[in-house]
């Protein structure tokens, strides 16, 4: 039966993704720790920890999308899905815009607060901007993962994440072995993150005819 195949695919890909993230995370951490200076490693860790706290800005709306899509898709209520999806998408787009503006305004204060050495400030600035631009764009696009979960295509989302994790690991490790600085590695990592989010959006629209955010 179709649901059994979907259940098996979701379970397998979930475990593969979880295991892959654990292994690649340890590998990247060890390589960065042994390659970069304490300042570079600390700056990288600080920025990605900000992302972890940024998840709290979801306010539970991601789960709302998932539940709404699941219930309304069963009744073929695509208009109901679109109303909720568009509201949350543009709300998150606004939040992402606010985050980006604040990051630009408070950059000098933030660099001072975390004691970025003056001689490294110019090098760290591009990485800082890459990070917050990608976060501002990823914030609204992240809801498409919830859409895929709502239409019971978690397996597709997991496959995207597996490919993303693999690509990120290859890019980051290659750049580290080439003695690349934090700015180059951040640009690659953010590019992979955005590509995965766009892929989720494309798949969500493909599997849900009539889906739109207008």
N, C-alpha and C. Protein backbone atom coordinates (compact mmCIF):
# COMPACT_ATOMS: atom_id res chain seq x y z
N UNK A 1 0.84 -1.20 0.00
CA UNK A 1 0.00 0.00 0.00
C UNK A 1 0.88 1.25 0.00
N UNK A 2 0.29 2.34 -0.55
CA UNK A 2 1.07 3.57 -0.69
C UNK A 2 1.51 4.12 0.65
N UNK A 3 0.62 4.10 1.65
CA UNK A 3 0.97 4.70 2.95
C UNK A 3 2.08 3.92 3.63
N UNK A 4 2.14 2.60 3.39
CA UNK A 4 3.20 1.80 3.98
C UNK A 4 4.55 2.15 3.35
N UNK A 5 4.56 2.34 2.04
CA UNK A 5 5.80 2.73 1.36
C UNK A 5 6.26 4.12 1.84
N UNK A 6 5.30 5.02 1.98
CA UNK A 6 5.62 6.37 2.43
C UNK A 6 6.16 6.35 3.86
N UNK A 7 5.54 5.52 4.70
CA UNK A 7 5.97 5.40 6.09
C UNK A 7 7.39 4.84 6.17
N UNK A 8 7.65 3.81 5.36
CA UNK A 8 8.99 3.21 5.37
C UNK A 8 10.03 4.21 4.85
N UNK A 9 9.70 4.93 3.78
CA UNK A 9 10.63 5.90 3.22
C UNK A 9 10.92 7.02 4.21
N UNK A 10 9.88 7.48 4.90
CA UNK A 10 10.06 8.55 5.89
C UNK A 10 10.94 8.08 7.04
N UNK A 11 10.68 6.87 7.53
CA UNK A 11 11.46 6.35 8.65
C UNK A 11 12.92 6.17 8.28
N UNK A 12 13.17 5.57 7.14
CA UNK A 12 14.55 5.31 6.71
C UNK A 12 15.31 6.61 6.49
N UNK A 13 14.69 7.53 5.75
CA UNK A 13 15.39 8.80 5.45
C UNK A 13 15.60 9.64 6.71
N UNK A 14 14.68 9.53 7.67
CA UNK A 14 14.85 10.28 8.92
C UNK A 14 16.07 9.79 9.69
N UNK A 15 16.22 8.47 9.78
CA UNK A 15 17.37 7.92 10.49
C UNK A 15 18.68 8.20 9.74
N UNK A 16 18.63 8.11 8.42
CA UNK A 16 19.82 8.41 7.63
C UNK A 16 20.24 9.86 7.83
N UNK A 17 19.27 10.76 7.78
CA UNK A 17 19.58 12.18 7.96
C UNK A 17 20.14 12.46 9.35
N UNK A 18 19.53 11.87 10.36
CA UNK A 18 20.01 12.09 11.73
C UNK A 18 21.44 11.57 11.91
N UNK A 19 21.70 10.36 11.41
CA UNK A 19 23.04 9.80 11.52
C UNK A 19 24.06 10.60 10.73
N UNK A 20 23.66 11.04 9.55
CA UNK A 20 24.57 11.82 8.70
C UNK A 20 24.93 13.14 9.36
N UNK A 21 23.95 13.79 9.97
CA UNK A 21 24.22 15.07 10.63
C UNK A 21 25.17 14.89 11.81
N UNK A 22 25.01 13.81 12.54
CA UNK A 22 25.90 13.56 13.68
C UNK A 22 27.34 13.35 13.22
N UNK A 23 27.51 12.52 12.21
CA UNK A 23 28.85 12.20 11.73
C UNK A 23 29.51 13.41 11.09
N UNK A 24 28.79 14.07 10.18
CA UNK A 24 29.38 15.22 9.48
C UNK A 24 29.62 16.40 10.43
N UNK A 25 28.72 16.55 11.42
CA UNK A 25 28.91 17.62 12.39
C UNK A 25 30.19 17.46 13.18
N UNK A 26 30.44 16.24 13.63
CA UNK A 26 31.68 15.96 14.36
C UNK A 26 32.90 16.17 13.47
N UNK A 27 32.80 15.73 12.21
CA UNK A 27 33.92 15.85 11.29
C UNK A 27 34.25 17.31 11.00
N UNK A 28 33.21 18.11 10.74
CA UNK A 28 33.44 19.53 10.46
C UNK A 28 33.97 20.24 11.70
N UNK A 29 33.39 19.92 12.86
CA UNK A 29 33.84 20.54 14.11
C UNK A 29 35.32 20.26 14.35
N UNK A 30 35.71 19.01 14.20
CA UNK A 30 37.11 18.64 14.45
C UNK A 30 38.04 19.32 13.47
N UNK A 31 37.65 19.40 12.20
CA UNK A 31 38.50 20.01 11.19
C UNK A 31 38.62 21.51 11.41
N UNK A 32 37.51 22.17 11.71
CA UNK A 32 37.55 23.60 11.98
C UNK A 32 38.40 23.91 13.20
N UNK A 33 38.20 23.13 14.25
CA UNK A 33 38.92 23.37 15.49
C UNK A 33 40.43 23.24 15.30
N UNK A 34 40.83 22.34 14.41
CA UNK A 34 42.25 22.14 14.18
C UNK A 34 42.84 23.03 13.10
N UNK A 35 41.98 23.69 12.33
CA UNK A 35 42.45 24.50 11.20
C UNK A 35 42.40 25.99 11.47
N UNK A 36 41.31 26.44 12.05
CA UNK A 36 41.11 27.87 12.26
C UNK A 36 41.74 28.37 13.55
N UNK A 37 41.90 29.67 13.61
CA UNK A 37 42.34 30.32 14.84
C UNK A 37 41.18 30.33 15.83
N UNK A 38 41.45 30.51 17.12
CA UNK A 38 40.35 30.58 18.10
C UNK A 38 39.34 31.66 17.77
N UNK A 39 39.80 32.79 17.21
CA UNK A 39 38.89 33.87 16.87
C UNK A 39 37.94 33.48 15.74
N UNK A 40 38.48 32.83 14.73
CA UNK A 40 37.63 32.40 13.61
C UNK A 40 36.62 31.35 14.06
N UNK A 41 37.10 30.38 14.79
CA UNK A 41 36.20 29.31 15.26
C UNK A 41 35.12 29.87 16.18
N UNK A 42 35.51 30.77 17.07
CA UNK A 42 34.54 31.36 17.99
C UNK A 42 33.50 32.19 17.28
N UNK A 43 33.92 32.94 16.26
CA UNK A 43 32.98 33.77 15.50
C UNK A 43 31.98 32.90 14.75
N UNK A 44 32.47 31.82 14.13
CA UNK A 44 31.60 30.88 13.43
C UNK A 44 30.59 30.26 14.38
N UNK A 45 31.06 29.78 15.52
CA UNK A 45 30.17 29.14 16.49
C UNK A 45 29.14 30.12 17.03
N UNK A 46 29.56 31.37 17.24
CA UNK A 46 28.64 32.38 17.75
C UNK A 46 27.49 32.63 16.78
N UNK A 47 27.81 32.81 15.50
CA UNK A 47 26.77 33.11 14.52
C UNK A 47 25.76 31.98 14.41
N UNK A 48 26.22 30.74 14.35
CA UNK A 48 25.28 29.62 14.20
C UNK A 48 24.49 29.36 15.47
N UNK A 49 25.03 29.78 16.62
CA UNK A 49 24.24 29.69 17.85
C UNK A 49 23.11 30.71 17.83
N UNK A 50 23.33 31.84 17.16
CA UNK A 50 22.28 32.84 16.99
C UNK A 50 21.11 32.23 16.22
N UNK A 51 21.42 31.42 15.21
CA UNK A 51 20.38 30.76 14.43
C UNK A 51 19.55 29.84 15.31
N UNK A 52 20.20 29.13 16.22
CA UNK A 52 19.49 28.23 17.12
C UNK A 52 18.46 29.00 17.96
N UNK A 53 18.85 30.17 18.46
CA UNK A 53 17.91 30.99 19.23
C UNK A 53 16.84 31.59 18.32
N UNK A 54 17.20 31.84 17.05
CA UNK A 54 16.25 32.43 16.13
C UNK A 54 15.06 31.54 15.84
N UNK A 55 15.23 30.23 16.06
CA UNK A 55 14.12 29.30 15.84
C UNK A 55 12.95 29.62 16.76
N UNK A 56 13.24 30.25 17.90
CA UNK A 56 12.18 30.61 18.84
C UNK A 56 11.23 31.63 18.24
N UNK A 57 11.68 32.37 17.21
CA UNK A 57 10.83 33.37 16.57
C UNK A 57 9.76 32.74 15.70
N UNK A 58 9.76 31.42 15.63
CA UNK A 58 8.73 30.70 14.88
C UNK A 58 7.35 30.92 15.51
N UNK A 59 7.29 31.07 16.82
CA UNK A 59 6.05 31.31 17.57
C UNK A 59 5.00 30.21 17.35
N UNK A 60 5.46 29.02 16.95
CA UNK A 60 4.52 27.92 16.74
C UNK A 60 3.79 27.96 15.42
N UNK A 61 4.12 28.96 14.57
CA UNK A 61 3.41 29.09 13.30
C UNK A 61 3.79 27.99 12.31
N UNK A 62 5.01 27.45 12.47
CA UNK A 62 5.41 26.34 11.60
C UNK A 62 4.52 25.13 11.81
N UNK A 63 4.24 24.81 13.07
CA UNK A 63 3.34 23.70 13.37
C UNK A 63 1.92 24.00 12.91
N UNK A 64 1.53 25.27 12.98
CA UNK A 64 0.22 25.67 12.48
C UNK A 64 0.09 25.37 10.99
N UNK A 65 1.15 25.69 10.24
CA UNK A 65 1.15 25.40 8.80
C UNK A 65 1.00 23.89 8.57
N UNK A 66 1.78 23.12 9.31
CA UNK A 66 1.74 21.67 9.13
C UNK A 66 0.35 21.10 9.39
N UNK A 67 -0.27 21.51 10.49
CA UNK A 67 -1.59 21.00 10.84
C UNK A 67 -2.66 21.49 9.87
N UNK A 68 -2.55 22.76 9.47
CA UNK A 68 -3.53 23.31 8.54
C UNK A 68 -3.46 22.62 7.19
N UNK A 69 -2.26 22.43 6.69
CA UNK A 69 -2.09 21.77 5.40
C UNK A 69 -2.61 20.34 5.47
N UNK A 70 -2.31 19.63 6.55
CA UNK A 70 -2.75 18.24 6.68
C UNK A 70 -4.27 18.13 6.70
N UNK A 71 -4.93 18.99 7.48
CA UNK A 71 -6.38 18.89 7.60
C UNK A 71 -7.11 19.39 6.35
N UNK A 72 -6.64 20.49 5.80
CA UNK A 72 -7.33 21.06 4.64
C UNK A 72 -7.02 20.32 3.34
N UNK A 73 -5.82 19.74 3.26
CA UNK A 73 -5.49 18.96 2.06
C UNK A 73 -6.40 17.74 1.95
N UNK A 74 -6.78 17.18 3.10
CA UNK A 74 -7.67 16.02 3.09
C UNK A 74 -9.04 16.37 2.51
N UNK A 75 -9.41 17.65 2.60
CA UNK A 75 -10.70 18.11 2.07
C UNK A 75 -10.55 18.88 0.77
N UNK A 76 -9.33 18.84 0.18
CA UNK A 76 -9.05 19.55 -1.07
C UNK A 76 -9.34 21.06 -0.96
N UNK A 77 -9.12 21.61 0.22
CA UNK A 77 -9.35 23.04 0.45
C UNK A 77 -8.05 23.81 0.21
N UNK A 78 -7.68 23.94 -1.06
CA UNK A 78 -6.43 24.60 -1.40
C UNK A 78 -6.49 26.09 -1.08
N UNK A 79 -7.67 26.69 -1.18
CA UNK A 79 -7.79 28.11 -0.87
C UNK A 79 -7.56 28.36 0.62
N UNK A 80 -8.05 27.46 1.44
CA UNK A 80 -7.81 27.59 2.88
C UNK A 80 -6.35 27.47 3.21
N UNK A 81 -5.67 26.55 2.54
CA UNK A 81 -4.23 26.39 2.73
C UNK A 81 -3.49 27.66 2.31
N UNK A 82 -3.88 28.20 1.16
CA UNK A 82 -3.20 29.39 0.64
C UNK A 82 -3.36 30.60 1.55
N UNK A 83 -4.53 30.74 2.15
CA UNK A 83 -4.76 31.88 3.04
C UNK A 83 -3.81 31.83 4.23
N UNK A 84 -3.71 30.65 4.85
CA UNK A 84 -2.82 30.51 6.01
C UNK A 84 -1.36 30.59 5.60
N UNK A 85 -1.03 29.92 4.50
CA UNK A 85 0.35 29.88 4.03
C UNK A 85 0.85 31.28 3.69
N UNK A 86 0.05 32.04 2.95
CA UNK A 86 0.48 33.38 2.54
C UNK A 86 0.63 34.30 3.75
N UNK A 87 -0.27 34.16 4.73
CA UNK A 87 -0.18 34.99 5.93
C UNK A 87 1.11 34.72 6.68
N UNK A 88 1.40 33.44 6.89
CA UNK A 88 2.61 33.08 7.64
C UNK A 88 3.86 33.42 6.84
N UNK A 89 3.84 33.17 5.54
CA UNK A 89 5.01 33.44 4.70
C UNK A 89 5.40 34.91 4.77
N UNK A 90 4.42 35.80 4.57
CA UNK A 90 4.75 37.23 4.54
C UNK A 90 5.02 37.77 5.94
N UNK A 91 4.43 37.15 6.95
CA UNK A 91 4.79 37.52 8.32
C UNK A 91 6.25 37.19 8.59
N UNK A 92 6.65 35.99 8.20
CA UNK A 92 8.04 35.57 8.38
C UNK A 92 8.99 36.40 7.50
N UNK A 93 8.52 36.78 6.31
CA UNK A 93 9.34 37.64 5.46
C UNK A 93 9.60 38.98 6.16
N UNK A 94 8.55 39.50 6.82
CA UNK A 94 8.71 40.74 7.56
C UNK A 94 9.66 40.58 8.74
N UNK A 95 9.54 39.46 9.45
CA UNK A 95 10.44 39.19 10.57
C UNK A 95 11.88 39.07 10.07
N UNK A 96 12.05 38.37 8.93
CA UNK A 96 13.39 38.25 8.34
C UNK A 96 13.96 39.60 7.96
N UNK A 97 13.11 40.47 7.43
CA UNK A 97 13.57 41.81 7.08
C UNK A 97 14.00 42.61 8.30
N UNK A 98 13.24 42.48 9.38
CA UNK A 98 13.59 43.17 10.62
C UNK A 98 14.91 42.65 11.16
N UNK A 99 15.09 41.32 11.12
CA UNK A 99 16.35 40.73 11.58
C UNK A 99 17.53 41.28 10.79
N UNK A 100 17.35 41.38 9.46
CA UNK A 100 18.42 41.87 8.60
C UNK A 100 18.76 43.33 8.92
N UNK A 101 17.73 44.15 9.07
CA UNK A 101 17.97 45.57 9.37
C UNK A 101 18.67 45.74 10.72
N UNK A 102 18.20 45.00 11.72
CA UNK A 102 18.81 45.09 13.04
C UNK A 102 20.26 44.62 13.03
N UNK A 103 20.52 43.58 12.24
CA UNK A 103 21.89 43.07 12.16
C UNK A 103 22.82 44.10 11.54
N UNK A 104 22.31 44.88 10.59
CA UNK A 104 23.12 45.93 9.97
C UNK A 104 23.35 47.09 10.94
N UNK A 105 22.30 47.45 11.65
CA UNK A 105 22.40 48.60 12.55
C UNK A 105 23.29 48.32 13.76
N UNK A 106 23.20 47.10 14.27
CA UNK A 106 23.90 46.79 15.52
C UNK A 106 25.20 46.02 15.31
N UNK A 107 25.66 45.94 14.08
CA UNK A 107 26.91 45.21 13.83
C UNK A 107 28.08 45.75 14.64
N UNK A 108 28.33 47.07 14.64
CA UNK A 108 29.48 47.57 15.42
C UNK A 108 29.38 47.21 16.91
N UNK A 109 28.18 47.34 17.47
CA UNK A 109 28.00 47.02 18.88
C UNK A 109 28.19 45.53 19.14
N UNK A 110 27.71 44.72 18.22
CA UNK A 110 27.84 43.27 18.39
C UNK A 110 29.29 42.83 18.30
N UNK A 111 30.02 43.39 17.33
CA UNK A 111 31.44 43.06 17.20
C UNK A 111 32.19 43.47 18.46
N UNK A 112 31.80 44.59 19.01
CA UNK A 112 32.45 45.05 20.24
C UNK A 112 32.09 44.16 21.42
N UNK A 113 30.83 43.73 21.47
CA UNK A 113 30.37 42.91 22.59
C UNK A 113 31.05 41.54 22.62
N UNK A 114 31.34 40.98 21.45
CA UNK A 114 31.98 39.66 21.42
C UNK A 114 33.49 39.76 21.23
N UNK A 115 34.00 40.99 21.34
CA UNK A 115 35.44 41.22 21.33
C UNK A 115 36.13 40.75 20.04
N UNK A 116 35.55 41.14 18.90
CA UNK A 116 36.21 40.85 17.62
C UNK A 116 37.44 41.75 17.51
N UNK A 117 38.62 41.18 17.32
CA UNK A 117 39.84 41.99 17.20
C UNK A 117 39.74 42.95 16.02
N UNK A 118 40.20 44.18 16.18
CA UNK A 118 40.10 45.18 15.09
C UNK A 118 40.73 44.71 13.79
N UNK A 119 41.83 43.94 13.87
CA UNK A 119 42.49 43.50 12.65
C UNK A 119 41.72 42.39 11.93
N UNK A 120 40.72 41.80 12.60
CA UNK A 120 39.92 40.75 11.98
C UNK A 120 38.52 41.23 11.59
N UNK A 121 38.17 42.43 11.99
CA UNK A 121 36.81 42.94 11.74
C UNK A 121 36.49 42.98 10.25
N UNK A 122 37.44 43.44 9.43
CA UNK A 122 37.20 43.51 7.98
C UNK A 122 36.99 42.13 7.37
N UNK A 123 37.72 41.14 7.88
CA UNK A 123 37.57 39.78 7.36
C UNK A 123 36.25 39.15 7.79
N UNK A 124 35.83 39.44 9.01
CA UNK A 124 34.62 38.83 9.55
C UNK A 124 33.34 39.49 9.03
N UNK A 125 33.44 40.73 8.57
CA UNK A 125 32.26 41.46 8.12
C UNK A 125 31.52 40.77 6.97
N UNK A 126 32.20 40.30 5.89
CA UNK A 126 31.47 39.60 4.84
C UNK A 126 30.74 38.36 5.35
N UNK A 127 31.40 37.58 6.22
CA UNK A 127 30.76 36.39 6.78
C UNK A 127 29.52 36.77 7.57
N UNK A 128 29.61 37.84 8.30
CA UNK A 128 28.48 38.35 9.09
C UNK A 128 27.29 38.69 8.19
N UNK A 129 27.57 39.39 7.09
CA UNK A 129 26.50 39.77 6.18
C UNK A 129 25.94 38.56 5.43
N UNK A 130 26.79 37.63 4.97
CA UNK A 130 26.32 36.41 4.32
C UNK A 130 25.34 35.68 5.23
N UNK A 131 25.72 35.58 6.50
CA UNK A 131 24.91 34.83 7.45
C UNK A 131 23.53 35.44 7.62
N UNK A 132 23.48 36.73 7.90
CA UNK A 132 22.18 37.34 8.20
C UNK A 132 21.32 37.52 6.95
N UNK A 133 21.91 37.68 5.80
CA UNK A 133 21.11 37.72 4.56
C UNK A 133 20.47 36.36 4.31
N UNK A 134 21.24 35.30 4.50
CA UNK A 134 20.69 33.96 4.29
C UNK A 134 19.61 33.63 5.31
N UNK A 135 19.77 34.11 6.55
CA UNK A 135 18.76 33.88 7.57
C UNK A 135 17.47 34.63 7.23
N UNK A 136 17.62 35.87 6.77
CA UNK A 136 16.44 36.67 6.40
C UNK A 136 15.65 36.00 5.27
N UNK A 137 16.36 35.39 4.33
CA UNK A 137 15.69 34.71 3.22
C UNK A 137 15.15 33.34 3.62
N UNK A 138 15.89 32.66 4.48
CA UNK A 138 15.49 31.31 4.90
C UNK A 138 14.30 31.32 5.83
N UNK A 139 14.11 32.40 6.55
CA UNK A 139 13.02 32.45 7.53
C UNK A 139 11.66 32.19 6.88
N UNK A 140 11.28 32.92 5.83
CA UNK A 140 9.98 32.60 5.20
C UNK A 140 10.02 31.31 4.40
N UNK A 141 11.14 31.01 3.74
CA UNK A 141 11.20 29.79 2.93
C UNK A 141 11.14 28.53 3.77
N UNK A 142 11.49 28.64 5.05
CA UNK A 142 11.50 27.47 5.91
C UNK A 142 10.13 26.85 6.12
N UNK A 143 9.06 27.60 5.85
CA UNK A 143 7.73 27.04 6.06
C UNK A 143 7.41 25.93 5.05
N UNK A 144 8.16 25.87 3.96
CA UNK A 144 7.85 24.84 2.96
C UNK A 144 8.19 23.45 3.45
N UNK A 145 9.11 23.35 4.39
CA UNK A 145 9.35 22.06 5.01
C UNK A 145 8.13 21.59 5.78
N UNK A 146 7.43 22.53 6.41
CA UNK A 146 6.20 22.21 7.13
C UNK A 146 5.09 21.83 6.16
N UNK A 147 5.07 22.46 5.00
CA UNK A 147 4.07 22.10 3.99
C UNK A 147 4.28 20.66 3.53
N UNK A 148 5.54 20.30 3.29
CA UNK A 148 5.83 18.93 2.87
C UNK A 148 5.43 17.93 3.95
N UNK A 149 5.64 18.30 5.21
CA UNK A 149 5.22 17.43 6.31
C UNK A 149 3.70 17.30 6.34
N UNK A 150 3.01 18.42 6.07
CA UNK A 150 1.55 18.40 6.10
C UNK A 150 0.94 17.55 5.02
N UNK A 151 1.58 17.47 3.86
CA UNK A 151 1.05 16.63 2.77
C UNK A 151 1.68 15.24 2.79
N UNK A 152 2.31 14.91 3.93
CA UNK A 152 2.89 13.58 4.15
C UNK A 152 4.01 13.24 3.16
N UNK A 153 4.85 14.25 2.90
CA UNK A 153 6.03 14.02 2.08
C UNK A 153 7.29 14.38 2.87
N UNK A 154 7.33 13.92 4.11
CA UNK A 154 8.51 14.12 4.93
C UNK A 154 9.72 13.43 4.30
N UNK A 155 9.47 12.33 3.58
CA UNK A 155 10.57 11.62 2.94
C UNK A 155 11.29 12.51 1.93
N UNK A 156 10.52 13.32 1.19
CA UNK A 156 11.12 14.23 0.22
C UNK A 156 11.95 15.30 0.94
N UNK A 157 11.38 15.84 2.01
CA UNK A 157 12.11 16.85 2.78
C UNK A 157 13.40 16.25 3.36
N UNK A 158 13.34 15.03 3.84
CA UNK A 158 14.53 14.38 4.38
C UNK A 158 15.60 14.18 3.32
N UNK A 159 15.18 13.80 2.12
CA UNK A 159 16.13 13.60 1.03
C UNK A 159 16.82 14.92 0.69
N UNK A 160 16.05 16.00 0.67
CA UNK A 160 16.63 17.33 0.42
C UNK A 160 17.66 17.66 1.48
N UNK A 161 17.31 17.37 2.74
CA UNK A 161 18.23 17.65 3.84
C UNK A 161 19.48 16.76 3.79
N UNK A 162 19.32 15.54 3.37
CA UNK A 162 20.47 14.63 3.24
C UNK A 162 21.43 15.16 2.17
N UNK A 163 20.87 15.55 1.03
CA UNK A 163 21.69 16.10 -0.04
C UNK A 163 22.34 17.41 0.39
N UNK A 164 21.58 18.23 1.12
CA UNK A 164 22.11 19.50 1.60
C UNK A 164 23.25 19.29 2.59
N UNK A 165 23.06 18.37 3.51
CA UNK A 165 24.11 18.08 4.50
C UNK A 165 25.36 17.56 3.83
N UNK A 166 25.18 16.68 2.85
CA UNK A 166 26.32 16.13 2.12
C UNK A 166 27.06 17.22 1.36
N UNK A 167 26.30 18.06 0.65
CA UNK A 167 26.92 19.15 -0.12
C UNK A 167 27.63 20.13 0.80
N UNK A 168 27.01 20.45 1.92
CA UNK A 168 27.62 21.37 2.87
C UNK A 168 28.93 20.82 3.41
N UNK A 169 28.93 19.54 3.74
CA UNK A 169 30.14 18.91 4.27
C UNK A 169 31.26 18.91 3.26
N UNK A 170 30.95 18.55 2.03
CA UNK A 170 31.96 18.52 0.97
C UNK A 170 32.54 19.92 0.75
N UNK A 171 31.65 20.91 0.64
CA UNK A 171 32.10 22.28 0.38
C UNK A 171 32.95 22.82 1.53
N UNK A 172 32.46 22.64 2.75
CA UNK A 172 33.16 23.19 3.91
C UNK A 172 34.51 22.52 4.10
N UNK A 173 34.55 21.19 4.03
CA UNK A 173 35.82 20.50 4.23
C UNK A 173 36.82 20.82 3.13
N UNK A 174 36.33 20.93 1.89
CA UNK A 174 37.23 21.28 0.79
C UNK A 174 37.85 22.65 1.01
N UNK A 175 37.01 23.61 1.41
CA UNK A 175 37.52 24.96 1.66
C UNK A 175 38.47 24.99 2.85
N UNK A 176 38.17 24.22 3.88
CA UNK A 176 39.05 24.18 5.04
C UNK A 176 40.42 23.60 4.69
N UNK A 177 40.43 22.55 3.88
CA UNK A 177 41.70 21.95 3.46
C UNK A 177 42.49 22.87 2.54
N UNK A 178 41.78 23.84 1.94
CA UNK A 178 42.44 24.84 1.10
C UNK A 178 42.85 26.07 1.92
N UNK A 179 42.69 25.96 3.25
CA UNK A 179 43.02 27.06 4.17
C UNK A 179 42.17 28.30 3.94
N UNK A 180 40.91 28.08 3.57
CA UNK A 180 40.00 29.20 3.38
C UNK A 180 39.60 29.80 4.72
N UNK A 181 39.31 31.08 4.73
CA UNK A 181 38.90 31.76 5.94
C UNK A 181 37.42 31.62 6.20
N UNK A 182 36.98 32.19 7.31
CA UNK A 182 35.59 32.06 7.72
C UNK A 182 34.63 32.68 6.71
N UNK A 183 35.07 33.72 6.01
CA UNK A 183 34.18 34.38 5.07
C UNK A 183 33.82 33.48 3.89
N UNK A 184 34.81 32.74 3.37
CA UNK A 184 34.57 31.84 2.23
C UNK A 184 33.72 30.65 2.64
N UNK A 185 34.02 30.09 3.79
CA UNK A 185 33.26 28.94 4.27
C UNK A 185 31.82 29.33 4.57
N UNK A 186 31.63 30.51 5.15
CA UNK A 186 30.27 30.98 5.45
C UNK A 186 29.47 31.18 4.17
N UNK A 187 30.08 31.74 3.14
CA UNK A 187 29.38 31.95 1.89
C UNK A 187 28.92 30.62 1.30
N UNK A 188 29.77 29.61 1.34
CA UNK A 188 29.41 28.29 0.82
C UNK A 188 28.29 27.67 1.64
N UNK A 189 28.40 27.74 2.96
CA UNK A 189 27.40 27.14 3.84
C UNK A 189 26.04 27.81 3.65
N UNK A 190 26.03 29.13 3.52
CA UNK A 190 24.78 29.85 3.33
C UNK A 190 24.17 29.55 1.96
N UNK A 191 25.00 29.40 0.95
CA UNK A 191 24.51 29.06 -0.39
C UNK A 191 23.82 27.70 -0.39
N UNK A 192 24.41 26.75 0.31
CA UNK A 192 23.80 25.41 0.40
C UNK A 192 22.49 25.48 1.17
N UNK A 193 22.45 26.25 2.25
CA UNK A 193 21.23 26.41 3.04
C UNK A 193 20.10 26.97 2.22
N UNK A 194 20.38 28.03 1.46
CA UNK A 194 19.34 28.65 0.64
C UNK A 194 18.89 27.73 -0.49
N UNK A 195 19.83 26.99 -1.07
CA UNK A 195 19.47 26.06 -2.14
C UNK A 195 18.52 24.99 -1.63
N UNK A 196 18.77 24.48 -0.43
CA UNK A 196 17.89 23.47 0.16
C UNK A 196 16.50 24.04 0.41
N UNK A 197 16.43 25.28 0.88
CA UNK A 197 15.14 25.90 1.14
C UNK A 197 14.36 26.12 -0.15
N UNK A 198 15.05 26.56 -1.20
CA UNK A 198 14.39 26.73 -2.49
C UNK A 198 13.92 25.38 -3.05
N UNK A 199 14.71 24.35 -2.85
CA UNK A 199 14.32 23.01 -3.31
C UNK A 199 13.05 22.55 -2.60
N UNK A 200 12.95 22.82 -1.30
CA UNK A 200 11.74 22.46 -0.55
C UNK A 200 10.53 23.22 -1.09
N UNK A 201 10.73 24.49 -1.43
CA UNK A 201 9.64 25.30 -1.97
C UNK A 201 9.17 24.75 -3.31
N UNK A 202 10.11 24.40 -4.16
CA UNK A 202 9.77 23.85 -5.48
C UNK A 202 8.99 22.54 -5.33
N UNK A 203 9.45 21.67 -4.45
CA UNK A 203 8.78 20.38 -4.25
C UNK A 203 7.39 20.57 -3.65
N UNK A 204 7.25 21.50 -2.71
CA UNK A 204 5.94 21.75 -2.10
C UNK A 204 4.93 22.22 -3.14
N UNK A 205 5.36 23.12 -4.03
CA UNK A 205 4.46 23.60 -5.08
C UNK A 205 4.16 22.49 -6.10
N UNK A 206 5.14 21.65 -6.34
CA UNK A 206 4.92 20.57 -7.32
C UNK A 206 3.92 19.55 -6.79
N UNK A 207 4.00 19.21 -5.50
CA UNK A 207 3.13 18.19 -4.94
C UNK A 207 1.77 18.75 -4.51
N UNK A 208 1.63 20.07 -4.53
CA UNK A 208 0.36 20.68 -4.13
C UNK A 208 -0.10 21.64 -5.21
N UNK A 209 -0.75 21.15 -6.23
CA UNK A 209 -1.23 22.01 -7.32
C UNK A 209 -2.13 23.13 -6.80
N UNK A 210 -1.89 24.34 -7.29
CA UNK A 210 -2.69 25.48 -6.86
C UNK A 210 -2.14 26.20 -5.66
N UNK A 211 -1.06 25.69 -5.09
CA UNK A 211 -0.45 26.34 -3.92
C UNK A 211 0.18 27.67 -4.33
N UNK A 212 -0.09 28.72 -3.55
CA UNK A 212 0.56 30.00 -3.83
C UNK A 212 0.61 30.83 -2.56
N UNK A 213 1.43 31.87 -2.58
CA UNK A 213 1.62 32.72 -1.40
C UNK A 213 1.12 34.14 -1.66
N UNK A 214 0.24 34.29 -2.64
CA UNK A 214 -0.27 35.63 -2.99
C UNK A 214 -1.58 35.88 -2.22
